[in-house]
Amino acid sequence: MIKFRNEAVNNEVLILKSHLKDYIGAMTSYNLVAMEDSKIKFEKSYKKLQKLRKFLNSDEDEVLNRYLVRIKTNMSFLNSTNPFGHVEKPV
């Protein structure tokens, strides 16, 4: 795992990974409610990491940005292969 000098960034990366694992687990178990919940949490964590980037030096920011883009691309791919189509939380 990549470690950054900023502890808040490191903690948020761990949280993001957890939400991503939850999303994949919910997807494999066909749990729509858990998928939507973990997707919302993932998006919040992703946005928080985007805000925390300003506290990194340029090299670390570049590395984090590269990983965030890759994660977002893979998340989009997962959503496109989702057998349920677009996930919406049941009312």
N, C-alpha and C. Protein backbone atom coordinates (compact mmCIF):
# COMPACT_ATOMS: atom_id res chain seq x y z
N MET A 1 0.83 -1.18 0.00
CA MET A 1 0.00 0.00 0.00
C MET A 1 0.88 1.25 0.00
N ILE A 2 0.45 2.21 -0.74
CA ILE A 2 1.18 3.48 -0.82
C ILE A 2 0.85 4.29 0.43
N LYS A 3 1.88 4.85 1.02
CA LYS A 3 1.70 5.71 2.20
C LYS A 3 2.03 7.13 1.82
N PHE A 4 1.18 8.04 2.25
CA PHE A 4 1.41 9.46 2.03
C PHE A 4 1.88 10.09 3.34
N ARG A 5 2.45 11.26 3.25
CA ARG A 5 2.94 11.95 4.45
C ARG A 5 1.79 12.47 5.31
N ASN A 6 0.67 12.70 4.68
CA ASN A 6 -0.50 13.23 5.39
C ASN A 6 -1.33 12.07 5.94
N GLU A 7 -1.45 12.01 7.26
CA GLU A 7 -2.16 10.91 7.91
C GLU A 7 -3.66 10.90 7.56
N ALA A 8 -4.25 12.07 7.39
CA ALA A 8 -5.67 12.15 7.02
C ALA A 8 -5.91 11.51 5.66
N VAL A 9 -4.98 11.71 4.74
CA VAL A 9 -5.09 11.10 3.41
C VAL A 9 -4.98 9.58 3.53
N ASN A 10 -4.01 9.11 4.31
CA ASN A 10 -3.85 7.67 4.50
C ASN A 10 -5.11 7.04 5.09
N ASN A 11 -5.69 7.70 6.09
CA ASN A 11 -6.91 7.18 6.71
C ASN A 11 -8.06 7.15 5.71
N GLU A 12 -8.17 8.19 4.91
CA GLU A 12 -9.28 8.24 3.95
C GLU A 12 -9.09 7.22 2.83
N VAL A 13 -7.86 6.94 2.47
CA VAL A 13 -7.59 5.88 1.47
C VAL A 13 -8.08 4.54 2.01
N LEU A 14 -7.81 4.27 3.28
CA LEU A 14 -8.28 3.01 3.89
C LEU A 14 -9.81 2.95 3.91
N ILE A 15 -10.44 4.06 4.20
CA ILE A 15 -11.91 4.12 4.22
C ILE A 15 -12.46 3.90 2.81
N LEU A 16 -11.84 4.53 1.82
CA LEU A 16 -12.27 4.36 0.44
C LEU A 16 -12.16 2.90 0.02
N LYS A 17 -11.05 2.26 0.37
CA LYS A 17 -10.87 0.84 0.05
C LYS A 17 -11.95 -0.01 0.70
N SER A 18 -12.29 0.30 1.92
CA SER A 18 -13.32 -0.45 2.63
C SER A 18 -14.68 -0.33 1.93
N HIS A 19 -15.02 0.89 1.53
CA HIS A 19 -16.30 1.10 0.85
C HIS A 19 -16.32 0.41 -0.51
N LEU A 20 -15.19 0.39 -1.19
CA LEU A 20 -15.11 -0.28 -2.47
C LEU A 20 -15.28 -1.79 -2.30
N LYS A 21 -14.65 -2.34 -1.28
CA LYS A 21 -14.81 -3.77 -0.99
C LYS A 21 -16.26 -4.08 -0.63
N ASP A 22 -16.90 -3.21 0.14
CA ASP A 22 -18.31 -3.40 0.49
C ASP A 22 -19.19 -3.39 -0.76
N TYR A 23 -18.88 -2.47 -1.68
CA TYR A 23 -19.66 -2.37 -2.91
C TYR A 23 -19.53 -3.65 -3.74
N ILE A 24 -18.31 -4.14 -3.89
CA ILE A 24 -18.08 -5.36 -4.67
C ILE A 24 -18.74 -6.55 -3.99
N GLY A 25 -18.66 -6.61 -2.67
CA GLY A 25 -19.32 -7.69 -1.93
C GLY A 25 -20.83 -7.65 -2.10
N ALA A 26 -21.40 -6.47 -2.05
CA ALA A 26 -22.85 -6.33 -2.23
C ALA A 26 -23.24 -6.69 -3.66
N MET A 27 -22.38 -6.34 -4.61
CA MET A 27 -22.67 -6.66 -6.01
C MET A 27 -22.66 -8.17 -6.23
N THR A 28 -21.68 -8.84 -5.66
CA THR A 28 -21.59 -10.29 -5.85
C THR A 28 -22.71 -11.04 -5.13
N SER A 29 -23.26 -10.43 -4.08
CA SER A 29 -24.37 -11.08 -3.37
C SER A 29 -25.73 -10.55 -3.82
N TYR A 30 -25.73 -9.70 -4.85
CA TYR A 30 -26.97 -9.14 -5.43
C TYR A 30 -27.80 -8.39 -4.39
N ASN A 31 -27.13 -7.66 -3.52
CA ASN A 31 -27.80 -6.90 -2.47
C ASN A 31 -27.88 -5.43 -2.91
N LEU A 32 -29.02 -5.05 -3.47
CA LEU A 32 -29.18 -3.70 -4.03
C LEU A 32 -29.07 -2.60 -2.99
N VAL A 33 -29.63 -2.81 -1.82
CA VAL A 33 -29.59 -1.79 -0.78
C VAL A 33 -28.15 -1.56 -0.33
N ALA A 34 -27.43 -2.63 -0.08
CA ALA A 34 -26.03 -2.50 0.34
C ALA A 34 -25.17 -1.89 -0.77
N MET A 35 -25.49 -2.22 -2.02
CA MET A 35 -24.75 -1.63 -3.14
C MET A 35 -24.92 -0.12 -3.16
N GLU A 36 -26.14 0.34 -3.02
CA GLU A 36 -26.39 1.77 -3.06
C GLU A 36 -25.75 2.48 -1.86
N ASP A 37 -25.88 1.88 -0.69
CA ASP A 37 -25.28 2.47 0.51
C ASP A 37 -23.76 2.58 0.38
N SER A 38 -23.13 1.50 -0.06
CA SER A 38 -21.67 1.52 -0.18
C SER A 38 -21.23 2.45 -1.31
N LYS A 39 -22.04 2.57 -2.35
CA LYS A 39 -21.71 3.50 -3.44
C LYS A 39 -21.75 4.95 -2.95
N ILE A 40 -22.74 5.28 -2.17
CA ILE A 40 -22.85 6.64 -1.61
C ILE A 40 -21.66 6.92 -0.70
N LYS A 41 -21.31 5.96 0.16
CA LYS A 41 -20.16 6.13 1.05
C LYS A 41 -18.87 6.25 0.27
N PHE A 42 -18.74 5.45 -0.78
CA PHE A 42 -17.56 5.51 -1.65
C PHE A 42 -17.42 6.90 -2.26
N GLU A 43 -18.54 7.43 -2.78
CA GLU A 43 -18.51 8.74 -3.43
C GLU A 43 -18.14 9.85 -2.44
N LYS A 44 -18.65 9.77 -1.21
CA LYS A 44 -18.30 10.77 -0.19
C LYS A 44 -16.81 10.70 0.13
N SER A 45 -16.30 9.49 0.28
CA SER A 45 -14.89 9.31 0.59
C SER A 45 -14.01 9.80 -0.57
N TYR A 46 -14.43 9.51 -1.79
CA TYR A 46 -13.71 9.95 -2.98
C TYR A 46 -13.63 11.48 -3.02
N LYS A 47 -14.74 12.14 -2.75
CA LYS A 47 -14.78 13.60 -2.76
C LYS A 47 -13.90 14.17 -1.64
N LYS A 48 -13.90 13.51 -0.49
CA LYS A 48 -13.07 13.97 0.62
C LYS A 48 -11.59 13.86 0.26
N LEU A 49 -11.22 12.77 -0.41
CA LEU A 49 -9.83 12.62 -0.85
C LEU A 49 -9.47 13.71 -1.86
N GLN A 50 -10.39 14.05 -2.73
CA GLN A 50 -10.12 15.12 -3.69
C GLN A 50 -9.82 16.44 -2.96
N LYS A 51 -10.55 16.70 -1.89
CA LYS A 51 -10.32 17.92 -1.11
C LYS A 51 -9.00 17.86 -0.34
N LEU A 52 -8.64 16.67 0.13
CA LEU A 52 -7.39 16.52 0.90
C LEU A 52 -6.14 16.60 0.03
N ARG A 53 -6.30 16.48 -1.28
CA ARG A 53 -5.14 16.51 -2.18
C ARG A 53 -4.35 17.80 -2.04
N LYS A 54 -5.00 18.88 -1.69
CA LYS A 54 -4.31 20.17 -1.61
C LYS A 54 -3.26 20.20 -0.49
N PHE A 55 -3.31 19.24 0.42
CA PHE A 55 -2.34 19.18 1.52
C PHE A 55 -1.12 18.31 1.18
N LEU A 56 -1.08 17.78 -0.03
CA LEU A 56 0.03 16.93 -0.45
C LEU A 56 1.01 17.73 -1.30
N ASN A 57 2.26 17.27 -1.32
CA ASN A 57 3.21 17.90 -2.24
C ASN A 57 2.87 17.46 -3.66
N SER A 58 3.47 18.07 -4.65
CA SER A 58 3.08 17.82 -6.04
C SER A 58 3.29 16.37 -6.48
N ASP A 59 4.36 15.74 -6.01
CA ASP A 59 4.60 14.34 -6.38
C ASP A 59 3.53 13.42 -5.80
N GLU A 60 3.23 13.61 -4.54
CA GLU A 60 2.20 12.77 -3.90
C GLU A 60 0.83 13.05 -4.50
N ASP A 61 0.57 14.30 -4.80
CA ASP A 61 -0.71 14.66 -5.41
C ASP A 61 -0.87 13.96 -6.76
N GLU A 62 0.19 13.92 -7.52
CA GLU A 62 0.16 13.26 -8.83
C GLU A 62 -0.11 11.76 -8.68
N VAL A 63 0.54 11.13 -7.71
CA VAL A 63 0.34 9.70 -7.47
C VAL A 63 -1.10 9.43 -7.03
N LEU A 64 -1.58 10.22 -6.09
CA LEU A 64 -2.95 10.04 -5.61
C LEU A 64 -3.95 10.27 -6.74
N ASN A 65 -3.73 11.30 -7.53
CA ASN A 65 -4.64 11.58 -8.63
C ASN A 65 -4.66 10.42 -9.62
N ARG A 66 -3.51 9.86 -9.92
CA ARG A 66 -3.44 8.72 -10.85
C ARG A 66 -4.26 7.54 -10.32
N TYR A 67 -4.13 7.26 -9.03
CA TYR A 67 -4.88 6.16 -8.44
C TYR A 67 -6.38 6.46 -8.39
N LEU A 68 -6.73 7.69 -8.07
CA LEU A 68 -8.15 8.05 -8.01
C LEU A 68 -8.80 7.93 -9.39
N VAL A 69 -8.10 8.35 -10.41
CA VAL A 69 -8.63 8.22 -11.78
C VAL A 69 -8.82 6.75 -12.13
N ARG A 70 -7.84 5.94 -11.79
CA ARG A 70 -7.92 4.50 -12.08
C ARG A 70 -9.09 3.86 -11.31
N ILE A 71 -9.25 4.24 -10.05
CA ILE A 71 -10.35 3.70 -9.24
C ILE A 71 -11.69 4.13 -9.82
N LYS A 72 -11.81 5.39 -10.18
CA LYS A 72 -13.07 5.90 -10.74
C LYS A 72 -13.40 5.19 -12.05
N THR A 73 -12.39 4.97 -12.88
CA THR A 73 -12.60 4.26 -14.14
C THR A 73 -13.08 2.83 -13.89
N ASN A 74 -12.45 2.16 -12.95
CA ASN A 74 -12.86 0.79 -12.62
C ASN A 74 -14.26 0.74 -12.00
N MET A 75 -14.58 1.75 -11.20
CA MET A 75 -15.92 1.82 -10.61
C MET A 75 -16.96 2.02 -11.71
N SER A 76 -16.66 2.85 -12.68
CA SER A 76 -17.57 3.05 -13.82
C SER A 76 -17.74 1.75 -14.59
N PHE A 77 -16.64 1.01 -14.77
CA PHE A 77 -16.72 -0.28 -15.45
C PHE A 77 -17.60 -1.25 -14.67
N LEU A 78 -17.42 -1.30 -13.34
CA LEU A 78 -18.27 -2.17 -12.52
C LEU A 78 -19.74 -1.81 -12.67
N ASN A 79 -20.04 -0.52 -12.68
CA ASN A 79 -21.42 -0.09 -12.83
C ASN A 79 -21.98 -0.45 -14.19
N SER A 80 -21.14 -0.41 -15.22
CA SER A 80 -21.61 -0.73 -16.57
C SER A 80 -21.86 -2.22 -16.74
N THR A 81 -21.17 -3.04 -15.95
CA THR A 81 -21.38 -4.49 -16.03
C THR A 81 -22.38 -4.99 -15.01
N ASN A 82 -22.95 -4.06 -14.25
CA ASN A 82 -23.93 -4.40 -13.23
C ASN A 82 -25.16 -5.02 -13.88
N PRO A 83 -25.56 -6.23 -13.48
CA PRO A 83 -26.73 -6.87 -14.09
C PRO A 83 -28.04 -6.16 -13.78
N PHE A 84 -28.03 -5.26 -12.79
CA PHE A 84 -29.25 -4.54 -12.43
C PHE A 84 -29.39 -3.22 -13.16
N GLY A 85 -28.40 -2.87 -13.97
CA GLY A 85 -28.40 -1.55 -14.59
C GLY A 85 -27.99 -0.52 -13.56
N HIS A 86 -28.54 0.65 -13.65
CA HIS A 86 -28.21 1.73 -12.70
C HIS A 86 -28.82 1.39 -11.35
N VAL A 87 -28.01 1.45 -10.30
CA VAL A 87 -28.47 1.10 -8.96
C VAL A 87 -29.20 2.28 -8.34
N GLU A 88 -30.40 2.08 -7.92
CA GLU A 88 -31.17 3.07 -7.21
C GLU A 88 -31.65 2.44 -5.91
N LYS A 89 -31.62 3.19 -4.84
CA LYS A 89 -32.06 2.69 -3.56
C LYS A 89 -33.58 2.51 -3.60
N PRO A 90 -34.08 1.32 -3.21
CA PRO A 90 -35.53 1.12 -3.18
C PRO A 90 -36.21 2.06 -2.21
N VAL A 91 -37.40 2.48 -2.53
CA VAL A 91 -38.14 3.41 -1.69
C VAL A 91 -38.86 2.68 -0.59
